[in-house]
Amino acid sequence: MAIICKQCGEEVDELFSVTVTGRKTKVCEDCLEIIQEQAQIAEESESAIQGMMGFKGKR
């Protein structure tokens, strides 16, 4: 039985469950790394913008 990554469509040996934009999806290890990097970049950029604007609230 072939296991297909929902993100890239490639056939893989193992899938990992990850939440993307509020929805759980199963992706391969390569796509998982890309998603994690994108989430980290988004978090850092949001933090930088809040710092520039002087945001002092909780998130």
N, C-alpha and C. Protein backbone atom coordinates (compact mmCIF):
# COMPACT_ATOMS: atom_id res chain seq x y z
N MET A 1 0.84 -1.19 0.00
CA MET A 1 0.00 0.00 0.00
C MET A 1 0.88 1.24 0.00
N ALA A 2 0.66 2.10 -0.95
CA ALA A 2 1.46 3.31 -1.08
C ALA A 2 0.95 4.39 -0.12
N ILE A 3 1.90 5.04 0.54
CA ILE A 3 1.56 6.16 1.42
C ILE A 3 1.95 7.43 0.68
N ILE A 4 0.98 8.34 0.51
CA ILE A 4 1.19 9.56 -0.27
C ILE A 4 1.14 10.77 0.65
N CYS A 5 2.13 11.65 0.51
CA CYS A 5 2.16 12.91 1.27
C CYS A 5 1.05 13.82 0.75
N LYS A 6 0.28 14.41 1.65
CA LYS A 6 -0.82 15.30 1.26
C LYS A 6 -0.31 16.64 0.74
N GLN A 7 0.93 17.02 1.09
CA GLN A 7 1.48 18.31 0.69
C GLN A 7 2.10 18.26 -0.71
N CYS A 8 3.03 17.31 -0.90
CA CYS A 8 3.77 17.29 -2.17
C CYS A 8 3.30 16.19 -3.12
N GLY A 9 2.53 15.21 -2.61
CA GLY A 9 2.02 14.16 -3.48
C GLY A 9 3.00 13.04 -3.75
N GLU A 10 4.16 13.06 -3.09
CA GLU A 10 5.17 12.01 -3.29
C GLU A 10 4.83 10.78 -2.47
N GLU A 11 5.26 9.63 -2.94
CA GLU A 11 5.10 8.38 -2.20
C GLU A 11 6.23 8.29 -1.19
N VAL A 12 5.88 8.05 0.09
CA VAL A 12 6.88 8.04 1.17
C VAL A 12 6.68 6.80 2.05
N ASP A 13 7.67 6.55 2.92
CA ASP A 13 7.61 5.43 3.85
C ASP A 13 6.83 5.77 5.11
N GLU A 14 6.90 7.05 5.54
CA GLU A 14 6.30 7.45 6.81
C GLU A 14 5.69 8.84 6.69
N LEU A 15 4.54 9.03 7.34
CA LEU A 15 3.88 10.34 7.37
C LEU A 15 3.86 10.87 8.79
N PHE A 16 3.87 12.19 8.91
CA PHE A 16 3.82 12.86 10.20
C PHE A 16 2.59 13.75 10.23
N SER A 17 1.89 13.76 11.35
CA SER A 17 0.69 14.57 11.50
C SER A 17 1.09 15.97 11.96
N VAL A 18 0.59 16.99 11.28
CA VAL A 18 0.90 18.38 11.61
C VAL A 18 -0.34 19.23 11.39
N THR A 19 -0.48 20.29 12.18
CA THR A 19 -1.60 21.20 12.02
C THR A 19 -1.15 22.39 11.18
N VAL A 20 -1.84 22.63 10.08
CA VAL A 20 -1.53 23.74 9.17
C VAL A 20 -2.79 24.56 9.02
N THR A 21 -2.71 25.82 9.36
CA THR A 21 -3.84 26.76 9.30
C THR A 21 -5.10 26.17 9.95
N GLY A 22 -4.90 25.57 11.12
CA GLY A 22 -6.03 25.05 11.88
C GLY A 22 -6.55 23.69 11.44
N ARG A 23 -5.92 23.07 10.47
CA ARG A 23 -6.37 21.75 9.98
C ARG A 23 -5.22 20.75 10.10
N LYS A 24 -5.54 19.56 10.59
CA LYS A 24 -4.53 18.51 10.69
C LYS A 24 -4.34 17.87 9.32
N THR A 25 -3.09 17.64 8.98
CA THR A 25 -2.77 16.99 7.72
C THR A 25 -1.57 16.08 7.93
N LYS A 26 -1.41 15.11 7.07
CA LYS A 26 -0.29 14.18 7.17
C LYS A 26 0.68 14.47 6.02
N VAL A 27 1.93 14.72 6.41
CA VAL A 27 2.94 15.11 5.43
C VAL A 27 4.21 14.28 5.63
N CYS A 28 5.07 14.29 4.61
CA CYS A 28 6.34 13.59 4.70
C CYS A 28 7.33 14.41 5.53
N GLU A 29 8.48 13.82 5.81
CA GLU A 29 9.47 14.48 6.66
C GLU A 29 9.99 15.77 6.02
N ASP A 30 10.20 15.77 4.71
CA ASP A 30 10.70 16.97 4.02
C ASP A 30 9.69 18.11 4.13
N CYS A 31 8.43 17.82 3.88
CA CYS A 31 7.39 18.85 3.96
C CYS A 31 7.22 19.33 5.40
N LEU A 32 7.38 18.42 6.36
CA LEU A 32 7.28 18.79 7.77
C LEU A 32 8.34 19.81 8.13
N GLU A 33 9.57 19.60 7.67
CA GLU A 33 10.66 20.55 7.93
C GLU A 33 10.36 21.91 7.32
N ILE A 34 9.83 21.92 6.11
CA ILE A 34 9.50 23.18 5.43
C ILE A 34 8.40 23.91 6.19
N ILE A 35 7.38 23.20 6.63
CA ILE A 35 6.27 23.80 7.37
C ILE A 35 6.77 24.38 8.69
N GLN A 36 7.64 23.65 9.39
CA GLN A 36 8.18 24.13 10.65
C GLN A 36 9.03 25.39 10.45
N GLU A 37 9.83 25.42 9.38
CA GLU A 37 10.64 26.60 9.08
C GLU A 37 9.76 27.80 8.78
N GLN A 38 8.71 27.60 8.00
CA GLN A 38 7.80 28.69 7.67
C GLN A 38 7.10 29.23 8.91
N ALA A 39 6.72 28.33 9.82
CA ALA A 39 6.06 28.75 11.06
C ALA A 39 7.01 29.56 11.93
N GLN A 40 8.26 29.14 11.98
CA GLN A 40 9.25 29.85 12.78
C GLN A 40 9.52 31.24 12.20
N ILE A 41 9.62 31.34 10.90
CA ILE A 41 9.84 32.63 10.24
C ILE A 41 8.66 33.56 10.49
N ALA A 42 7.44 33.03 10.38
CA ALA A 42 6.24 33.83 10.62
C ALA A 42 6.21 34.34 12.06
N GLU A 43 6.57 33.49 13.00
CA GLU A 43 6.56 33.88 14.41
C GLU A 43 7.60 34.97 14.67
N GLU A 44 8.80 34.81 14.10
CA GLU A 44 9.85 35.80 14.30
C GLU A 44 9.49 37.13 13.65
N SER A 45 8.89 37.11 12.47
CA SER A 45 8.52 38.36 11.81
C SER A 45 7.40 39.06 12.56
N GLU A 46 6.45 38.29 13.11
CA GLU A 46 5.38 38.90 13.90
C GLU A 46 5.96 39.55 15.14
N SER A 47 6.91 38.89 15.77
CA SER A 47 7.56 39.43 16.96
C SER A 47 8.31 40.72 16.63
N ALA A 48 9.00 40.74 15.50
CA ALA A 48 9.74 41.93 15.09
C ALA A 48 8.79 43.10 14.82
N ILE A 49 7.69 42.84 14.16
CA ILE A 49 6.71 43.90 13.86
C ILE A 49 6.11 44.44 15.16
N GLN A 50 5.76 43.52 16.07
CA GLN A 50 5.20 43.96 17.35
C GLN A 50 6.22 44.80 18.12
N GLY A 51 7.49 44.41 18.05
CA GLY A 51 8.55 45.18 18.72
C GLY A 51 8.66 46.57 18.13
N MET A 52 8.59 46.70 16.82
CA MET A 52 8.66 48.01 16.17
C MET A 52 7.47 48.89 16.53
N MET A 53 6.32 48.26 16.73
CA MET A 53 5.10 49.01 17.03
C MET A 53 4.94 49.25 18.53
N GLY A 54 5.81 48.66 19.35
CA GLY A 54 5.73 48.86 20.78
C GLY A 54 4.63 48.07 21.45
N PHE A 55 4.22 46.95 20.86
CA PHE A 55 3.17 46.11 21.42
C PHE A 55 3.65 45.49 22.72
N LYS A 56 2.89 45.68 23.79
CA LYS A 56 3.30 45.16 25.09
C LYS A 56 2.31 44.15 25.65
N GLY A 57 1.28 43.79 24.91
CA GLY A 57 0.26 42.85 25.37
C GLY A 57 0.71 41.42 25.30
N LYS A 58 -0.14 40.54 25.76
CA LYS A 58 0.15 39.10 25.71
C LYS A 58 -0.40 38.50 24.43
N ARG A 59 0.28 37.49 23.96
CA ARG A 59 -0.18 36.83 22.74
C ARG A 59 -0.32 35.39 22.98
